[in-house]
């Protein structure tokens, strides 16, 4: 699941998701800054995924809901995997 997320993310998507999750209170500025400190897009995507999954199911569901209009195919994939399908 993480591999596909990392492979399909762009810096634009990462920044949008970080802003959305920060505004929703699922991430704090320290967590956002940690993700942004990644050396490249793949590393930042991996850090985002790890951070969100570490925050629990609610955070993952919220990220998926924000991802839905931006990349519906990836959002549906993540949703299905999160539900065990």
N, C-alpha and C. Protein backbone atom coordinates (compact mmCIF):
# COMPACT_ATOMS: atom_id res chain seq x y z
N UNK A 1 0.83 -1.19 0.00
CA UNK A 1 0.00 0.00 0.00
C UNK A 1 0.87 1.25 0.00
N UNK A 2 1.89 1.27 0.86
CA UNK A 2 2.76 2.45 0.94
C UNK A 2 3.53 2.66 -0.36
N UNK A 3 3.94 1.56 -1.00
CA UNK A 3 4.71 1.69 -2.25
C UNK A 3 3.91 2.43 -3.32
N UNK A 4 2.66 2.05 -3.49
CA UNK A 4 1.84 2.71 -4.51
C UNK A 4 1.62 4.18 -4.15
N UNK A 5 1.38 4.45 -2.88
CA UNK A 5 1.20 5.83 -2.42
C UNK A 5 2.44 6.65 -2.77
N UNK A 6 3.60 6.13 -2.42
CA UNK A 6 4.86 6.85 -2.68
C UNK A 6 5.06 7.07 -4.18
N UNK A 7 4.78 6.05 -4.98
CA UNK A 7 5.00 6.15 -6.42
C UNK A 7 4.07 7.13 -7.11
N UNK A 8 2.89 7.34 -6.59
CA UNK A 8 1.91 8.19 -7.26
C UNK A 8 1.85 9.62 -6.73
N UNK A 9 2.57 9.90 -5.66
CA UNK A 9 2.51 11.23 -5.08
C UNK A 9 3.41 12.22 -5.82
N UNK A 10 2.99 13.46 -5.81
CA UNK A 10 3.78 14.58 -6.32
C UNK A 10 3.95 15.58 -5.18
N UNK A 11 4.87 16.51 -5.36
CA UNK A 11 5.04 17.54 -4.33
C UNK A 11 3.77 18.36 -4.15
N UNK A 12 3.06 18.61 -5.23
CA UNK A 12 1.81 19.39 -5.14
C UNK A 12 0.80 18.64 -4.27
N UNK A 13 0.64 17.34 -4.52
CA UNK A 13 -0.29 16.55 -3.72
C UNK A 13 0.14 16.47 -2.26
N UNK A 14 1.42 16.27 -2.04
CA UNK A 14 1.92 16.20 -0.67
C UNK A 14 1.63 17.50 0.07
N UNK A 15 1.93 18.62 -0.55
CA UNK A 15 1.70 19.92 0.10
C UNK A 15 0.22 20.15 0.38
N UNK A 16 -0.64 19.76 -0.56
CA UNK A 16 -2.08 19.94 -0.37
C UNK A 16 -2.58 19.07 0.79
N UNK A 17 -2.15 17.82 0.82
CA UNK A 17 -2.57 16.94 1.90
C UNK A 17 -2.04 17.41 3.25
N UNK A 18 -0.81 17.87 3.28
CA UNK A 18 -0.26 18.40 4.53
C UNK A 18 -1.08 19.59 5.02
N UNK A 19 -1.39 20.51 4.12
CA UNK A 19 -2.21 21.68 4.50
C UNK A 19 -3.58 21.25 5.01
N UNK A 20 -4.20 20.32 4.29
CA UNK A 20 -5.54 19.86 4.69
C UNK A 20 -5.51 19.18 6.05
N UNK A 21 -4.56 18.29 6.25
CA UNK A 21 -4.48 17.56 7.52
C UNK A 21 -4.08 18.46 8.67
N UNK A 22 -3.26 19.46 8.40
CA UNK A 22 -2.91 20.44 9.42
C UNK A 22 -4.13 21.26 9.81
N UNK A 23 -4.88 21.72 8.81
CA UNK A 23 -6.09 22.51 9.07
C UNK A 23 -7.14 21.70 9.82
N UNK A 24 -7.19 20.39 9.57
CA UNK A 24 -8.16 19.53 10.24
C UNK A 24 -7.72 19.11 11.64
N UNK A 25 -6.48 19.41 12.00
CA UNK A 25 -5.97 19.05 13.31
C UNK A 25 -5.43 17.63 13.42
N UNK A 26 -5.25 16.96 12.28
CA UNK A 26 -4.71 15.61 12.30
C UNK A 26 -3.19 15.61 12.30
N UNK A 27 -2.58 16.70 11.92
CA UNK A 27 -1.13 16.88 12.00
C UNK A 27 -0.85 18.21 12.69
N UNK A 28 0.33 18.30 13.29
CA UNK A 28 0.76 19.59 13.83
C UNK A 28 1.89 20.13 12.95
N UNK A 29 2.31 21.34 13.21
CA UNK A 29 3.32 21.97 12.36
C UNK A 29 4.65 21.23 12.42
N UNK A 30 4.96 20.65 13.56
CA UNK A 30 6.21 19.89 13.68
C UNK A 30 6.18 18.66 12.76
N UNK A 31 5.06 17.98 12.71
CA UNK A 31 4.93 16.81 11.83
C UNK A 31 4.99 17.24 10.36
N UNK A 32 4.33 18.34 10.05
CA UNK A 32 4.38 18.86 8.67
C UNK A 32 5.81 19.18 8.27
N UNK A 33 6.51 19.86 9.14
CA UNK A 33 7.89 20.25 8.84
C UNK A 33 8.80 19.03 8.69
N UNK A 34 8.55 17.99 9.48
CA UNK A 34 9.33 16.76 9.36
C UNK A 34 9.13 16.14 7.98
N UNK A 35 7.90 16.11 7.50
CA UNK A 35 7.63 15.57 6.16
C UNK A 35 8.31 16.42 5.10
N UNK A 36 8.19 17.73 5.23
CA UNK A 36 8.77 18.63 4.23
C UNK A 36 10.30 18.60 4.21
N UNK A 37 10.90 18.10 5.28
CA UNK A 37 12.36 18.02 5.36
C UNK A 37 12.92 16.84 4.55
N UNK A 38 12.04 16.00 4.01
CA UNK A 38 12.51 14.89 3.19
C UNK A 38 13.32 15.38 2.02
N UNK A 39 14.27 14.57 1.58
CA UNK A 39 15.21 14.98 0.54
C UNK A 39 14.63 15.01 -0.87
N UNK A 40 13.56 14.25 -1.09
CA UNK A 40 12.96 14.20 -2.42
C UNK A 40 11.48 13.83 -2.29
N UNK A 41 10.80 13.82 -3.40
CA UNK A 41 9.36 13.57 -3.37
C UNK A 41 9.03 12.21 -2.77
N UNK A 42 9.76 11.20 -3.16
CA UNK A 42 9.49 9.86 -2.65
C UNK A 42 9.68 9.80 -1.13
N UNK A 43 10.73 10.41 -0.66
CA UNK A 43 10.96 10.40 0.78
C UNK A 43 9.88 11.18 1.52
N UNK A 44 9.49 12.33 0.97
CA UNK A 44 8.42 13.12 1.60
C UNK A 44 7.11 12.33 1.60
N UNK A 45 6.81 11.63 0.51
CA UNK A 45 5.59 10.83 0.45
C UNK A 45 5.63 9.71 1.48
N UNK A 46 6.77 9.06 1.61
CA UNK A 46 6.91 8.00 2.60
C UNK A 46 6.75 8.53 4.03
N UNK A 47 7.34 9.68 4.28
CA UNK A 47 7.20 10.30 5.61
C UNK A 47 5.76 10.67 5.89
N UNK A 48 5.07 11.20 4.88
CA UNK A 48 3.66 11.54 5.06
C UNK A 48 2.85 10.30 5.37
N UNK A 49 3.05 9.25 4.59
CA UNK A 49 2.31 8.01 4.80
C UNK A 49 2.56 7.46 6.21
N UNK A 50 3.82 7.40 6.61
CA UNK A 50 4.16 6.87 7.93
C UNK A 50 3.57 7.73 9.05
N UNK A 51 3.62 9.04 8.87
CA UNK A 51 3.09 9.94 9.88
C UNK A 51 1.58 9.77 10.02
N UNK A 52 0.89 9.71 8.90
CA UNK A 52 -0.57 9.59 8.95
C UNK A 52 -0.98 8.23 9.50
N UNK A 53 -0.34 7.16 9.06
CA UNK A 53 -0.71 5.85 9.58
C UNK A 53 -0.41 5.74 11.08
N UNK A 54 0.63 6.44 11.51
CA UNK A 54 0.95 6.46 12.93
C UNK A 54 -0.07 7.21 13.77
N UNK A 55 -0.86 8.05 13.12
CA UNK A 55 -1.89 8.81 13.83
C UNK A 55 -3.22 8.05 13.93
N UNK A 56 -3.30 6.89 13.27
CA UNK A 56 -4.48 6.05 13.43
C UNK A 56 -5.43 6.07 12.25
N UNK A 57 -6.49 5.28 12.39
CA UNK A 57 -7.45 5.10 11.31
C UNK A 57 -8.18 6.39 10.92
N UNK A 58 -8.52 7.21 11.91
CA UNK A 58 -9.23 8.45 11.61
C UNK A 58 -8.38 9.36 10.73
N UNK A 59 -7.09 9.44 11.02
CA UNK A 59 -6.20 10.28 10.22
C UNK A 59 -6.09 9.73 8.80
N UNK A 60 -5.98 8.40 8.67
CA UNK A 60 -5.89 7.80 7.34
C UNK A 60 -7.17 8.05 6.56
N UNK A 61 -8.31 7.87 7.19
CA UNK A 61 -9.58 8.12 6.52
C UNK A 61 -9.69 9.57 6.07
N UNK A 62 -9.22 10.48 6.90
CA UNK A 62 -9.29 11.90 6.54
C UNK A 62 -8.37 12.19 5.37
N UNK A 63 -7.16 11.61 5.37
CA UNK A 63 -6.26 11.82 4.24
C UNK A 63 -6.87 11.27 2.96
N UNK A 64 -7.47 10.10 3.04
CA UNK A 64 -8.11 9.51 1.86
C UNK A 64 -9.23 10.41 1.36
N UNK A 65 -10.01 10.98 2.26
CA UNK A 65 -11.11 11.86 1.83
C UNK A 65 -10.57 13.11 1.14
N UNK A 66 -9.43 13.62 1.58
CA UNK A 66 -8.83 14.78 0.92
C UNK A 66 -8.18 14.38 -0.41
N UNK A 67 -7.70 13.15 -0.49
CA UNK A 67 -7.07 12.67 -1.71
C UNK A 67 -8.09 12.35 -2.80
N UNK A 68 -9.31 12.03 -2.41
CA UNK A 68 -10.34 11.59 -3.36
C UNK A 68 -10.52 12.54 -4.55
N UNK A 69 -10.68 13.85 -4.35
CA UNK A 69 -10.85 14.72 -5.52
C UNK A 69 -9.55 14.97 -6.30
N UNK A 70 -8.42 14.70 -5.68
CA UNK A 70 -7.12 14.97 -6.30
C UNK A 70 -6.61 13.79 -7.10
N UNK A 71 -6.83 12.58 -6.58
CA UNK A 71 -6.39 11.34 -7.25
C UNK A 71 -7.37 10.24 -6.83
N UNK A 72 -8.55 10.19 -7.48
CA UNK A 72 -9.58 9.25 -7.05
C UNK A 72 -9.15 7.78 -7.11
N UNK A 73 -8.36 7.43 -8.10
CA UNK A 73 -7.93 6.03 -8.22
C UNK A 73 -7.07 5.62 -7.03
N UNK A 74 -6.12 6.46 -6.66
CA UNK A 74 -5.28 6.16 -5.50
C UNK A 74 -6.10 6.17 -4.22
N UNK A 75 -7.00 7.12 -4.09
CA UNK A 75 -7.84 7.18 -2.89
C UNK A 75 -8.68 5.92 -2.75
N UNK A 76 -9.27 5.45 -3.84
CA UNK A 76 -10.07 4.23 -3.80
C UNK A 76 -9.22 3.01 -3.45
N UNK A 77 -8.02 2.95 -4.02
CA UNK A 77 -7.09 1.86 -3.69
C UNK A 77 -6.78 1.85 -2.20
N UNK A 78 -6.45 3.01 -1.65
CA UNK A 78 -6.12 3.10 -0.22
C UNK A 78 -7.32 2.74 0.64
N UNK A 79 -8.49 3.20 0.22
CA UNK A 79 -9.71 2.92 0.98
C UNK A 79 -9.99 1.41 1.01
N UNK A 80 -9.86 0.77 -0.14
CA UNK A 80 -10.09 -0.67 -0.21
C UNK A 80 -9.09 -1.43 0.64
N UNK A 81 -7.84 -1.02 0.61
CA UNK A 81 -6.81 -1.68 1.41
C UNK A 81 -7.04 -1.44 2.89
N UNK A 82 -7.45 -0.24 3.25
CA UNK A 82 -7.70 0.08 4.64
C UNK A 82 -8.86 -0.76 5.20
N UNK A 83 -9.78 -1.12 4.31
CA UNK A 83 -10.94 -1.92 4.72
C UNK A 83 -10.66 -3.41 4.61
N UNK A 84 -9.45 -3.75 4.15
CA UNK A 84 -9.07 -5.15 4.06
C UNK A 84 -9.50 -5.84 2.78
N UNK A 85 -9.86 -5.06 1.75
CA UNK A 85 -10.29 -5.64 0.48
C UNK A 85 -9.13 -5.80 -0.47
